[in-house]
C-alpha atoms as a PDB file:
ATOM      1  CA  MET A   1     -21.945  -8.631  10.262  1.00  0.00           C
ATOM      2  CA  ASN A   2     -18.176  -8.625  10.001  1.00  0.00           C
ATOM      3  CA  GLN A   3     -16.269  -5.850   8.262  1.00  0.00           C
ATOM      4  CA  LEU A   4     -13.204  -7.068   6.389  1.00  0.00           C
ATOM      5  CA  ASN A   5     -10.283  -4.718   7.011  1.00  0.00           C
ATOM      6  CA  LEU A   6      -7.400  -4.420   4.567  1.00  0.00           C
ATOM      7  CA  MET A   7      -3.648  -4.357   5.140  1.00  0.00           C
ATOM      8  CA  MET A   8      -0.862  -3.994   2.615  1.00  0.00           C
ATOM      9  CA  ILE A   9       2.911  -4.346   2.649  1.00  0.00           C
ATOM     10  CA  THR A  10       4.931  -1.322   1.571  1.00  0.00           C
ATOM     11  CA  SER A  11       8.123   0.440   2.638  1.00  0.00           C
ATOM     12  CA  SER A  12       7.299   3.585   0.660  1.00  0.00           C
ATOM     13  CA  PRO A  13       6.111   6.501   2.811  1.00  0.00           C
ATOM     14  CA  GLU A  14       4.361   7.998  -0.225  1.00  0.00           C
ATOM     15  CA  VAL A  15       2.534   4.787  -1.074  1.00  0.00           C
ATOM     16  CA  ALA A  16       1.599   4.260   2.579  1.00  0.00           C
ATOM     17  CA  SER A  17       0.146   7.770   2.772  1.00  0.00           C
ATOM     18  CA  PHE A  18      -1.777   7.234  -0.468  1.00  0.00           C
ATOM     19  CA  ILE A  19      -3.290   3.850   0.344  1.00  0.00           C
ATOM     20  CA  GLU A  20      -4.399   4.818   3.853  1.00  0.00           C
ATOM     21  CA  GLN A  21      -6.581   7.440   2.189  1.00  0.00           C
ATOM     22  CA  HIS A  22      -8.138   4.783  -0.041  1.00  0.00           C
ATOM     23  CA  GLY A  23      -9.320   2.066   2.300  1.00  0.00           C
ATOM     24  CA  VAL A  24      -6.197   0.398   3.735  1.00  0.00           C
ATOM     25  CA  SER A  25      -6.454   0.323   7.527  1.00  0.00           C
ATOM     26  CA  ARG A  26      -3.070  -1.188   8.338  1.00  0.00           C
ATOM     27  CA  ILE A  27       0.377  -0.682   6.828  1.00  0.00           C
ATOM     28  CA  PHE A  28       2.370  -3.902   7.091  1.00  0.00           C
ATOM     29  CA  MET A  29       6.173  -3.757   7.256  1.00  0.00           C
ATOM     30  CA  ASP A  30       8.332  -6.829   7.385  1.00  0.00           C
ATOM     31  CA  GLN A  31      11.630  -7.526   9.151  1.00  0.00           C
ATOM     32  CA  GLU A  32      11.351 -11.314   9.060  1.00  0.00           C
ATOM     33  CA  VAL A  33      14.318 -12.971   7.332  1.00  0.00           C
ATOM     34  CA  ASN A  34      15.394 -15.837   9.596  1.00  0.00           C
ATOM     35  CA  GLY A  35      14.549 -19.099   7.824  1.00  0.00           C
ATOM     36  CA  LYS A  36      12.143 -17.467   5.390  1.00  0.00           C
ATOM     37  CA  ALA A  37      14.126 -17.967   2.188  1.00  0.00           C
ATOM     38  CA  GLU A  38      14.611 -21.640   3.033  1.00  0.00           C
ATOM     39  CA  ARG A  39      10.874 -22.114   3.583  1.00  0.00           C
ATOM     40  CA  GLN A  40       9.453 -19.895   0.864  1.00  0.00           C
ATOM     41  CA  GLY A  41      12.244 -19.455  -1.665  1.00  0.00           C
ATOM     42  CA  HIS A  42      10.136 -21.015  -4.416  1.00  0.00           C
ATOM     43  CA  LEU A  43       7.097 -18.817  -3.684  1.00  0.00           C
ATOM     44  CA  ASP A  44       6.270 -15.285  -4.834  1.00  0.00           C
ATOM     45  CA  THR A  45       6.134 -13.886  -1.304  1.00  0.00           C
ATOM     46  CA  HIS A  46       7.691 -10.844   0.332  1.00  0.00           C
ATOM     47  CA  LYS A  47      11.249 -11.665   1.453  1.00  0.00           C
ATOM     48  CA  ALA A  48      13.120  -8.333   1.705  1.00  0.00           C
ATOM     49  CA  ALA A  49      13.719  -7.010   5.217  1.00  0.00           C
ATOM     50  CA  HIS A  50      12.569  -3.464   5.909  1.00  0.00           C
ATOM     51  CA  SER A  51      15.071  -1.434   7.918  1.00  0.00           C
ATOM     52  CA  LEU A  52      14.266   0.498  11.083  1.00  0.00           C
ATOM     53  CA  GLU A  53      14.942   3.682   9.116  1.00  0.00           C
ATOM     54  CA  GLU A  54      12.260   2.655   6.611  1.00  0.00           C
ATOM     55  CA  VAL A  55       9.857   1.849   9.459  1.00  0.00           C
ATOM     56  CA  ALA A  56      10.442   5.294  10.978  1.00  0.00           C
ATOM     57  CA  ALA A  57       9.905   7.016   7.615  1.00  0.00           C
ATOM     58  CA  VAL A  58       6.559   5.274   7.058  1.00  0.00           C
ATOM     59  CA  ALA A  59       5.505   5.975  10.653  1.00  0.00           C
ATOM     60  CA  GLU A  60       6.147   9.659  10.031  1.00  0.00           C
ATOM     61  CA  ALA A  61       4.136   9.661   6.787  1.00  0.00           C
ATOM     62  CA  ILE A  62       0.860   8.065   7.884  1.00  0.00           C
ATOM     63  CA  GLN A  63      -1.956   9.596   9.903  1.00  0.00           C
ATOM     64  CA  TYR A  64      -4.859   7.130  10.003  1.00  0.00           C
ATOM     65  CA  ALA A  65      -3.658   3.594   9.338  1.00  0.00           C
ATOM     66  CA  GLU A  66      -2.025   1.445  11.989  1.00  0.00           C
ATOM     67  CA  LEU A  67       1.626   0.537  11.382  1.00  0.00           C
ATOM     68  CA  MET A  68       2.370  -3.143  12.031  1.00  0.00           C
ATOM     69  CA  VAL A  69       5.872  -4.614  11.883  1.00  0.00           C
ATOM     70  CA  ARG A  70       6.558  -8.340  11.602  1.00  0.00           C
ATOM     71  CA  ILE A  71       9.805  -9.271  13.315  1.00  0.00           C
ATOM     72  CA  ASN A  72      11.724 -12.549  13.200  1.00  0.00           C
ATOM     73  CA  PRO A  73      10.611 -15.714  14.970  1.00  0.00           C
ATOM     74  CA  LEU A  74      11.754 -15.838  18.587  1.00  0.00           C
ATOM     75  CA  HIS A  75      15.542 -15.917  18.980  1.00  0.00           C
ATOM     76  CA  SER A  76      18.233 -14.633  21.335  1.00  0.00           C
ATOM     77  CA  ARG A  77      17.901 -10.998  20.153  1.00  0.00           C
ATOM     78  CA  SER A  78      14.117 -10.787  19.950  1.00  0.00           C
ATOM     79  CA  GLY A  79      14.048  -8.258  22.794  1.00  0.00           C
ATOM     80  CA  GLU A  80      16.260  -5.901  20.773  1.00  0.00           C
ATOM     81  CA  GLU A  81      14.053  -6.341  17.696  1.00  0.00           C
ATOM     82  CA  VAL A  82      10.937  -5.568  19.714  1.00  0.00           C
ATOM     83  CA  ALA A  83      12.461  -2.419  21.207  1.00  0.00           C
ATOM     84  CA  GLY A  84      13.862  -1.262  17.874  1.00  0.00           C
ATOM     85  CA  ALA A  85      10.555  -1.625  16.051  1.00  0.00           C
ATOM     86  CA  ILE A  86       8.561   0.141  18.767  1.00  0.00           C
ATOM     87  CA  ASP A  87      11.089   2.949  19.084  1.00  0.00           C
ATOM     88  CA  SER A  88      10.898   3.420  15.303  1.00  0.00           C
ATOM     89  CA  GLY A  89       7.144   3.892  15.359  1.00  0.00           C
ATOM     90  CA  ALA A  90       5.569   0.430  15.155  1.00  0.00           C
ATOM     91  CA  GLN A  91       2.064   0.528  16.613  1.00  0.00           C
ATOM     92  CA  ARG A  92       1.603  -3.249  16.477  1.00  0.00           C
ATOM     93  CA  LEU A  93       4.031  -6.175  16.257  1.00  0.00           C
ATOM     94  CA  MET A  94       3.549  -9.499  14.509  1.00  0.00           C
ATOM     95  CA  LEU A  95       5.217 -12.715  15.669  1.00  0.00           C
ATOM     96  CA  PRO A  96       5.670 -15.395  12.986  1.00  0.00           C
ATOM     97  CA  MET A  97       6.373 -19.133  13.192  1.00  0.00           C
ATOM     98  CA  PHE A  98       5.421 -19.741  16.827  1.00  0.00           C
ATOM     99  CA  THR A  99       4.364 -23.251  17.787  1.00  0.00           C
ATOM    100  CA  LYS A 100       3.283 -23.332  21.435  1.00  0.00           C
ATOM    101  CA  ARG A 101       1.899 -21.514  24.474  1.00  0.00           C
ATOM    102  CA  ALA A 102       5.378 -20.833  25.848  1.00  0.00           C
ATOM    103  CA  ASP A 103       6.248 -18.882  22.678  1.00  0.00           C
ATOM    104  CA  VAL A 104       3.173 -16.692  23.117  1.00  0.00           C
ATOM    105  CA  GLU A 105       3.977 -16.147  26.809  1.00  0.00           C
ATOM    106  CA  GLU A 106       7.576 -15.216  26.022  1.00  0.00           C
ATOM    107  CA  PHE A 107       6.681 -12.746  23.305  1.00  0.00           C
ATOM    108  CA  LEU A 108       3.962 -11.069  25.360  1.00  0.00           C
ATOM    109  CA  ALA A 109       6.504 -10.685  28.182  1.00  0.00           C
ATOM    110  CA  LEU A 110       9.036  -9.123  25.792  1.00  0.00           C
ATOM    111  CA  VAL A 111       6.473  -6.652  24.434  1.00  0.00           C
ATOM    112  CA  ASP A 112       5.130  -6.004  27.944  1.00  0.00           C
ATOM    113  CA  GLY A 113       1.929  -4.335  26.757  1.00  0.00           C
ATOM    114  CA  ARG A 114       3.689  -1.477  24.963  1.00  0.00           C
ATOM    115  CA  VAL A 115       1.819  -2.244  21.736  1.00  0.00           C
ATOM    116  CA  PRO A 116      -0.726  -4.909  20.737  1.00  0.00           C
ATOM    117  CA  VAL A 117       0.482  -8.100  19.078  1.00  0.00           C
ATOM    118  CA  THR A 118      -0.780 -10.067  16.099  1.00  0.00           C
ATOM    119  CA  PHE A 119       0.216 -13.715  16.388  1.00  0.00           C
ATOM    120  CA  LEU A 120       0.796 -15.232  12.955  1.00  0.00           C
ATOM    121  CA  ALA A 121      -0.546 -18.761  13.334  1.00  0.00           C
ATOM    122  CA  GLU A 122       1.177 -20.428  10.394  1.00  0.00           C
ATOM    123  CA  THR A 123       2.446 -23.727  11.798  1.00  0.00           C
ATOM    124  CA  PRO A 124       0.325 -26.860  12.202  1.00  0.00           C
ATOM    125  CA  GLN A 125       1.369 -26.920  15.876  1.00  0.00           C
ATOM    126  CA  ALA A 126       0.063 -23.413  16.498  1.00  0.00           C
ATOM    127  CA  LEU A 127      -3.248 -24.262  14.851  1.00  0.00           C
ATOM    128  CA  VAL A 128      -3.749 -27.480  16.834  1.00  0.00           C
ATOM    129  CA  ARG A 129      -2.819 -25.756  20.102  1.00  0.00           C
ATOM    130  CA  ILE A 130      -5.140 -22.730  19.766  1.00  0.00           C
ATOM    131  CA  PRO A 131      -7.151 -23.663  22.898  1.00  0.00           C
ATOM    132  CA  ASP A 132      -3.894 -23.669  24.896  1.00  0.00           C
ATOM    133  CA  TRP A 133      -2.533 -20.230  23.898  1.00  0.00           C
ATOM    134  CA  LEU A 134      -5.646 -18.266  22.924  1.00  0.00           C
ATOM    135  CA  PRO A 135      -6.620 -17.419  26.557  1.00  0.00           C
ATOM    136  CA  LEU A 136      -3.331 -15.503  26.886  1.00  0.00           C
ATOM    137  CA  LEU A 137      -4.476 -12.898  24.346  1.00  0.00           C
ATOM    138  CA  LYS A 138      -6.295  -9.740  25.330  1.00  0.00           C
ATOM    139  CA  PRO A 139      -9.564  -9.434  23.344  1.00  0.00           C
ATOM    140  CA  GLY A 140      -9.872  -6.130  21.532  1.00  0.00           C
ATOM    141  CA  TYR A 141      -6.108  -5.636  21.733  1.00  0.00           C
ATOM    142  CA  ASP A 142      -4.136  -8.641  20.547  1.00  0.00           C
ATOM    143  CA  GLU A 143      -5.089 -10.406  17.322  1.00  0.00           C
ATOM    144  CA  VAL A 144      -4.414 -13.542  15.268  1.00  0.00           C
ATOM    145  CA  HIS A 145      -3.705 -13.948  11.572  1.00  0.00           C
ATOM    146  CA  ILE A 146      -3.631 -17.416  10.018  1.00  0.00           C
ATOM    147  CA  GLY A 147      -0.802 -17.575   7.484  1.00  0.00           C
ATOM    148  CA  LEU A 148      -1.723 -19.997   4.725  1.00  0.00           C
ATOM    149  CA  ASN A 149       1.638 -20.059   2.904  1.00  0.00           C
ATOM    150  CA  ASP A 150       3.660 -21.608   5.710  1.00  0.00           C
ATOM    151  CA  LEU A 151       0.703 -23.561   7.074  1.00  0.00           C
ATOM    152  CA  SER A 152       0.263 -25.344   3.750  1.00  0.00           C
ATOM    153  CA  LEU A 153       4.021 -25.933   3.482  1.00  0.00           C
ATOM    154  CA  GLY A 154       4.101 -27.330   7.015  1.00  0.00           C
ATOM    155  CA  MET A 155       1.315 -29.743   6.079  1.00  0.00           C
ATOM    156  CA  GLY A 156       3.093 -30.872   2.913  1.00  0.00           C
ATOM    157  CA  LEU A 157       0.431 -29.374   0.628  1.00  0.00           C
ATOM    158  CA  SER A 158       0.985 -27.973  -2.849  1.00  0.00           C
ATOM    159  CA  PHE A 159      -1.389 -24.981  -2.862  1.00  0.00           C
ATOM    160  CA  LEU A 160      -1.788 -22.451  -0.073  1.00  0.00           C
ATOM    161  CA  PHE A 161      -5.611 -22.533  -0.121  1.00  0.00           C
ATOM    162  CA  GLU A 162      -5.892 -26.329   0.144  1.00  0.00           C
ATOM    163  CA  PRO A 163      -6.537 -26.128   3.931  1.00  0.00           C
ATOM    164  CA  LEU A 164      -9.847 -24.441   3.084  1.00  0.00           C
ATOM    165  CA  ALA A 165     -10.949 -27.548   1.179  1.00  0.00           C
ATOM    166  CA  ILE A 166     -11.752 -29.450   4.385  1.00  0.00           C
ATOM    167  CA  ARG A 167     -12.890 -26.344   6.290  1.00  0.00           C
ATOM    168  CA  LEU A 168      -9.761 -26.519   8.426  1.00  0.00           C
ATOM    169  CA  LEU A 169     -10.245 -22.949   9.658  1.00  0.00           C
ATOM    170  CA  ASP A 170     -13.820 -23.441  10.865  1.00  0.00           C
ATOM    171  CA  LEU A 171     -12.946 -24.550  14.391  1.00  0.00           C
ATOM    172  CA  ALA A 172     -10.262 -21.864  14.712  1.00  0.00           C
ATOM    173  CA  ALA A 173     -12.772 -19.245  13.572  1.00  0.00           C
ATOM    174  CA  GLU A 174     -15.314 -20.434  16.131  1.00  0.00           C
ATOM    175  CA  LEU A 175     -12.735 -20.227  18.931  1.00  0.00           C
ATOM    176  CA  PHE A 176     -11.524 -16.752  17.946  1.00  0.00           C
ATOM    177  CA  ASN A 177     -15.025 -15.391  17.510  1.00  0.00           C
ATOM    178  CA  ARG A 178     -16.214 -16.861  20.809  1.00  0.00           C
ATOM    179  CA  HIS A 179     -13.181 -15.465  22.645  1.00  0.00           C
ATOM    180  CA  GLY A 180     -13.697 -12.021  21.108  1.00  0.00           C
ATOM    181  CA  VAL A 181     -10.285 -11.969  19.439  1.00  0.00           C
ATOM    182  CA  THR A 182     -10.131 -10.195  16.094  1.00  0.00           C
ATOM    183  CA  TRP A 183      -8.543 -12.355  13.419  1.00  0.00           C
ATOM    184  CA  GLY A 184      -7.980 -12.826   9.715  1.00  0.00           C
ATOM    185  CA  PHE A 185      -6.340 -15.147   7.253  1.00  0.00           C
ATOM    186  CA  GLY A 186      -4.269 -15.214   4.101  1.00  0.00           C
ATOM    187  CA  GLY A 187      -4.003 -12.726   1.300  1.00  0.00           C
ATOM    188  CA  MET A 188      -6.335 -11.644  -1.485  1.00  0.00           C
ATOM    189  CA  ALA A 189      -5.737 -10.707  -5.115  1.00  0.00           C
ATOM    190  CA  ARG A 190      -7.773  -8.242  -7.151  1.00  0.00           C
ATOM    191  CA  ILE A 191     -11.290  -9.055  -8.318  1.00  0.00           C
ATOM    192  CA  GLY A 192     -11.058 -11.290 -11.386  1.00  0.00           C
ATOM    193  CA  GLN A 193      -7.472 -12.258 -10.602  1.00  0.00           C
ATOM    194  CA  GLY A 194      -5.696 -14.928  -8.620  1.00  0.00           C
ATOM    195  CA  GLU A 195      -5.716 -18.711  -8.852  1.00  0.00           C
ATOM    196  CA  LEU A 196      -8.555 -18.629  -6.365  1.00  0.00           C
ATOM    197  CA  PRO A 197     -10.530 -15.564  -7.509  1.00  0.00           C
ATOM    198  CA  ALA A 198     -10.980 -12.810  -4.933  1.00  0.00           C
ATOM    199  CA  GLU A 199     -14.723 -12.660  -5.470  1.00  0.00           C
ATOM    200  CA  ILE A 200     -14.987 -16.317  -4.363  1.00  0.00           C
ATOM    201  CA  LEU A 201     -12.488 -16.040  -1.512  1.00  0.00           C
ATOM    202  CA  MET A 202     -14.349 -13.033  -0.132  1.00  0.00           C
ATOM    203  CA  GLY A 203     -17.333 -15.261   0.583  1.00  0.00           C
ATOM    204  CA  GLU A 204     -15.233 -17.503   2.818  1.00  0.00           C
ATOM    205  CA  HIS A 205     -13.992 -14.527   4.837  1.00  0.00           C
ATOM    206  CA  ILE A 206     -17.593 -13.492   5.413  1.00  0.00           C
ATOM    207  CA  ARG A 207     -18.749 -17.043   6.244  1.00  0.00           C
ATOM    208  CA  LEU A 208     -15.995 -17.531   8.825  1.00  0.00           C
ATOM    209  CA  GLY A 209     -16.188 -14.076  10.399  1.00  0.00           C
ATOM    210  CA  SER A 210     -12.673 -13.055   9.359  1.00  0.00           C
ATOM    211  CA  GLN A 211     -11.900  -9.358   9.864  1.00  0.00           C
ATOM    212  CA  TRP A 212      -8.480  -8.934   8.232  1.00  0.00           C
ATOM    213  CA  VAL A 213      -6.864  -9.837   4.926  1.00  0.00           C
ATOM    214  CA  ILE A 214      -3.559  -8.879   3.284  1.00  0.00           C
ATOM    215  CA  LEU A 215      -3.785  -7.276  -0.145  1.00  0.00           C
ATOM    216  CA  SER A 216      -1.505  -9.335  -2.386  1.00  0.00           C
ATOM    217  CA  ARG A 217       1.253  -8.154  -4.696  1.00  0.00           C
ATOM    218  CA  ALA A 218      -1.397  -7.786  -7.415  1.00  0.00           C
ATOM    219  CA  PHE A 219      -2.381  -4.514  -5.733  1.00  0.00           C
ATOM    220  CA  HIS A 220       1.036  -2.863  -5.816  1.00  0.00           C
ATOM    221  CA  GLN A 221       3.761  -4.852  -7.626  1.00  0.00           C
ATOM    222  CA  GLY A 222       6.328  -3.263  -5.327  1.00  0.00           C
ATOM    223  CA  ALA A 223       5.544   0.297  -6.461  1.00  0.00           C
ATOM    224  CA  ALA A 224       7.685   2.910  -4.710  1.00  0.00           C
ATOM    225  CA  SER A 225       5.422   5.890  -5.443  1.00  0.00           C
ATOM    226  CA  SER A 226       1.724   6.587  -5.804  1.00  0.00           C
ATOM    227  CA  LYS A 227       2.324   7.556  -9.428  1.00  0.00           C
ATOM    228  CA  ALA A 228       3.950   4.199 -10.139  1.00  0.00           C
ATOM    229  CA  LEU A 229       1.130   2.456  -8.299  1.00  0.00           C
ATOM    230  CA  MET A 230      -1.581   4.222 -10.276  1.00  0.00           C
ATOM    231  CA  SER A 231       0.258   3.582 -13.541  1.00  0.00           C
ATOM    232  CA  GLN A 232      -0.339  -0.136 -12.955  1.00  0.00           C
ATOM    233  CA  LEU A 233      -3.928  -0.021 -11.714  1.00  0.00           C
ATOM    234  CA  ASP A 234      -6.692   2.266 -10.534  1.00  0.00           C
ATOM    235  CA  PHE A 235      -6.183   1.513  -6.836  1.00  0.00           C
ATOM    236  CA  PRO A 236      -9.339   3.217  -5.479  1.00  0.00           C
ATOM    237  CA  ALA A 237     -11.447   1.454  -8.116  1.00  0.00           C
ATOM    238  CA  GLU A 238      -9.967  -1.925  -7.217  1.00  0.00           C
ATOM    239  CA  ILE A 239     -10.715  -1.370  -3.528  1.00  0.00           C
ATOM    240  CA  ALA A 240     -14.272  -0.383  -4.471  1.00  0.00           C
ATOM    241  CA  LYS A 241     -14.652  -3.689  -6.339  1.00  0.00           C
ATOM    242  CA  LEU A 242     -13.554  -5.593  -3.231  1.00  0.00           C
ATOM    243  CA  ARG A 243     -16.100  -3.696  -1.146  1.00  0.00           C
ATOM    244  CA  GLU A 244     -18.859  -4.450  -3.645  1.00  0.00           C
ATOM    245  CA  ALA A 245     -18.007  -8.171  -3.430  1.00  0.00           C
ATOM    246  CA  GLN A 246     -17.974  -7.955   0.355  1.00  0.00           C
ATOM    247  CA  THR A 247     -21.433  -6.378   0.425  1.00  0.00           C
ATOM    248  CA  ARG A 248     -22.821  -9.070  -1.883  1.00  0.00           C
ATOM    249  CA  TRP A 249     -21.560 -11.824   0.387  1.00  0.00           C
ATOM    250  CA  GLN A 250     -22.739 -10.063   3.540  1.00  0.00           C
ATOM    251  CA  LEU A 251     -26.256 -10.195   2.082  1.00  0.00           C
ATOM    252  CA  ALA A 252     -25.948 -13.882   1.122  1.00  0.00           C
ATOM    253  CA  ASN A 253     -27.780 -16.557   3.104  1.00  0.00           C
ATOM    254  CA  PRO A 254     -25.968 -19.436   4.861  1.00  0.00           C
ATOM    255  CA  SER A 255     -26.807 -21.865   2.054  1.00  0.00           C
ATOM    256  CA  GLU A 256     -25.191 -19.592  -0.541  1.00  0.00           C
ATOM    257  CA  LEU A 257     -22.096 -19.217   1.638  1.00  0.00           C
ATOM    258  CA  MET A 258     -21.792 -23.005   1.966  1.00  0.00           C
ATOM    259  CA  ASP A 259     -22.232 -23.470  -1.780  1.00  0.00           C
ATOM    260  CA  ASN A 260     -19.392 -21.004  -2.246  1.00  0.00           C
ATOM    261  CA  GLN A 261     -17.280 -22.943   0.261  1.00  0.00           C
ATOM    262  CA  GLN A 262     -17.768 -26.080  -1.815  1.00  0.00           C
ATOM    263  CA  LYS A 263     -16.668 -24.198  -4.922  1.00  0.00           C
ATOM    264  CA  ILE A 264     -13.526 -23.114  -3.055  1.00  0.00           C
ATOM    265  CA  ALA A 265     -12.876 -26.709  -1.993  1.00  0.00           C
ATOM    266  CA  THR A 266     -13.210 -28.046  -5.534  1.00  0.00           C
ATOM    267  CA  THR A 267     -11.025 -25.306  -7.017  1.00  0.00           C
ATOM    268  CA  ALA A 268      -8.323 -25.531  -4.340  1.00  0.00           C
ATOM    269  CA  LEU A 269      -8.046 -29.304  -4.655  1.00  0.00           C
ATOM    270  CA  GLN A 270      -7.909 -29.125  -8.437  1.00  0.00           C
ATOM    271  CA  ILE A 271      -5.094 -26.591  -8.309  1.00  0.00           C
ATOM    272  CA  GLY A 272      -3.258 -28.608  -5.668  1.00  0.00           C
ATOM    273  CA  ARG A 273      -3.598 -31.744  -7.795  1.00  0.00           C
ATOM    274  CA  SER A 274      -2.220 -29.952 -10.842  1.00  0.00           C
ATOM    275  CA  LEU A 275       0.819 -28.784  -8.856  1.00  0.00           C
ATOM    276  CA  ASN A 276       1.460 -32.165  -7.269  1.00  0.00           C
ATOM    277  CA  VAL A 277       2.855 -33.873 -10.389  1.00  0.00           C
END
């Protein structure tokens, strides 16, 4: 029975320290800027680059959660970015926008085993070529996250969850699970919120065997302090609601999980159709 682990983006040491005490297992910091505004400028996604000083401050503040830093897609100075992030306290690196086995080989060589890597499979090419690059990953060390924002954009879709409508992640999930590589996909809003409600999406994570999800902006709204965070929502209570939904779906039978998948498909296609006007 898979346990869904939570990660959240923040550059606030205080917020990072607070959320790691309330169920967040990974603090996600983001240095990716190259090409991101051009791809996602119309989307409500994180686009500000966190500095190495901010990375170091968060690394100093946390005790339990893992600190992951997403750097830019491969370019001429990727080696410097890798070294800078690790020297500043990154315990895991994420590589975005890769497309082929050679990209995975190059990045693993740059990191050279100093920290584990999460490969952000968010291009159609990366998804199609999973059997080619997956054997390069070390099970129990390196991981994969399927990024639905850029994947849907790369496929010319209107809504990020449309790929779930045809069970596009099923084969990827089977390959990851068989290979013993921990993986996750997408982001998740609070229970009762989001265009695709979290309580429905949770069922798909359980059905597929996903083990990681990113808590969306609905959980923090960019709060720079725990006081500001708690003024917007009762964070521990919201995490408890997610865990309650997870437990319900873990107890569901395969037929119920497939019925839920069909509900996701119908909803995702309806939203995509409404946006494609």
